[in-house]
Amino acid sequence: MTLEERVLKGIEVSRPYLQIDGGDVELASLDVEHGIVEVRYQGACKTCPLKLMTLRAGIERAIMLEAPEIKRIEEVM
């Protein structure tokens, strides 16, 4: 499985929890050389005051479990 496929698998694990509240997340970019993933929130997640906690405790954890070589997850607009 490629790095991108594993990152997407981690995102897919997170998506149902976000979709329950009317939000979602998508992969915006993947910098393989530096191990940086950029994600973009959609729907209700864009304005949620807890989106940083969701990014760190939910999405980041799920991605890093699937792809431990990833060093950082960032949100982009």
Protein backbone atom coordinates (compact mmCIF):
# COMPACT_ATOMS: atom_id res chain seq x y z
CA MET A 1 0.00 0.00 0.00
CA THR A 2 1.41 3.43 -0.93
CA LEU A 3 1.86 6.25 1.57
CA GLU A 4 -1.02 8.19 -0.01
CA GLU A 5 -3.31 5.17 0.25
CA ARG A 6 -2.45 4.75 3.92
CA VAL A 7 -3.04 8.46 4.60
CA LEU A 8 -6.40 8.25 2.84
CA LYS A 9 -7.26 5.20 4.92
CA GLY A 10 -6.61 7.21 8.10
CA ILE A 11 -8.82 10.01 6.81
CA GLU A 12 -11.58 7.54 5.96
CA VAL A 13 -11.54 6.28 9.55
CA SER A 14 -12.17 9.86 10.77
CA ARG A 15 -14.82 10.92 8.25
CA PRO A 16 -17.91 9.18 9.72
CA TYR A 17 -17.45 10.99 13.04
CA LEU A 18 -17.29 14.34 11.27
CA GLN A 19 -20.20 13.55 8.95
CA ILE A 20 -22.49 12.85 11.92
CA ASP A 21 -22.27 16.56 12.77
CA GLY A 22 -22.57 17.80 9.19
CA GLY A 23 -18.87 18.15 8.47
CA ASP A 24 -16.19 16.34 6.53
CA VAL A 25 -12.48 16.39 5.73
CA GLU A 26 -10.47 15.77 2.57
CA LEU A 27 -6.83 15.33 1.70
CA ALA A 28 -5.55 18.61 0.23
CA SER A 29 -1.91 17.63 -0.30
CA LEU A 30 0.79 15.21 0.74
CA ASP A 31 4.45 16.21 0.94
CA VAL A 32 6.14 12.81 0.92
CA GLU A 33 9.65 14.24 1.22
CA HIS A 34 8.90 16.15 4.45
CA GLY A 35 6.15 13.90 5.84
CA ILE A 36 3.51 16.64 5.91
CA VAL A 37 -0.19 16.08 5.23
CA GLU A 38 -2.54 18.97 4.54
CA VAL A 39 -6.26 18.45 5.03
CA ARG A 40 -9.24 20.67 4.27
CA TYR A 41 -12.34 20.78 6.42
CA GLN A 42 -15.75 20.92 4.77
CA GLY A 43 -19.27 21.73 5.93
CA ALA A 44 -19.83 22.36 9.63
CA CYS A 45 -16.20 21.56 10.45
CA LYS A 46 -15.02 24.78 8.77
CA THR A 47 -16.44 26.94 11.57
CA CYS A 48 -16.37 24.51 14.49
CA PRO A 49 -14.52 25.89 17.53
CA LEU A 50 -13.21 22.38 18.31
CA LYS A 51 -11.67 21.75 14.89
CA LEU A 52 -8.08 22.02 16.15
CA MET A 53 -8.75 19.41 18.83
CA THR A 54 -10.43 17.21 16.22
CA LEU A 55 -7.41 17.61 13.97
CA ARG A 56 -4.88 16.67 16.65
CA ALA A 57 -6.76 14.05 18.69
CA GLY A 58 -8.77 12.47 15.88
CA ILE A 59 -7.55 12.94 12.33
CA GLU A 60 -3.83 13.19 13.12
CA ARG A 61 -3.92 10.13 15.35
CA ALA A 62 -5.79 8.07 12.72
CA ILE A 63 -3.40 9.08 9.95
CA MET A 64 -0.27 8.46 12.02
CA LEU A 65 -1.50 5.01 13.03
CA GLU A 66 -1.73 4.11 9.34
CA ALA A 67 1.37 6.05 8.24
CA PRO A 68 3.86 6.50 11.12
CA GLU A 69 6.36 8.22 8.82
CA ILE A 70 4.08 11.26 8.66
CA LYS A 71 5.48 14.00 10.90
CA ARG A 72 2.79 16.67 10.79
CA ILE A 73 -0.85 17.25 9.83
CA GLU A 74 -1.92 20.78 8.89
CA GLU A 75 -5.26 22.35 8.08
CA VAL A 76 -5.53 24.44 4.93
CA MET A 77 -8.42 26.62 3.84
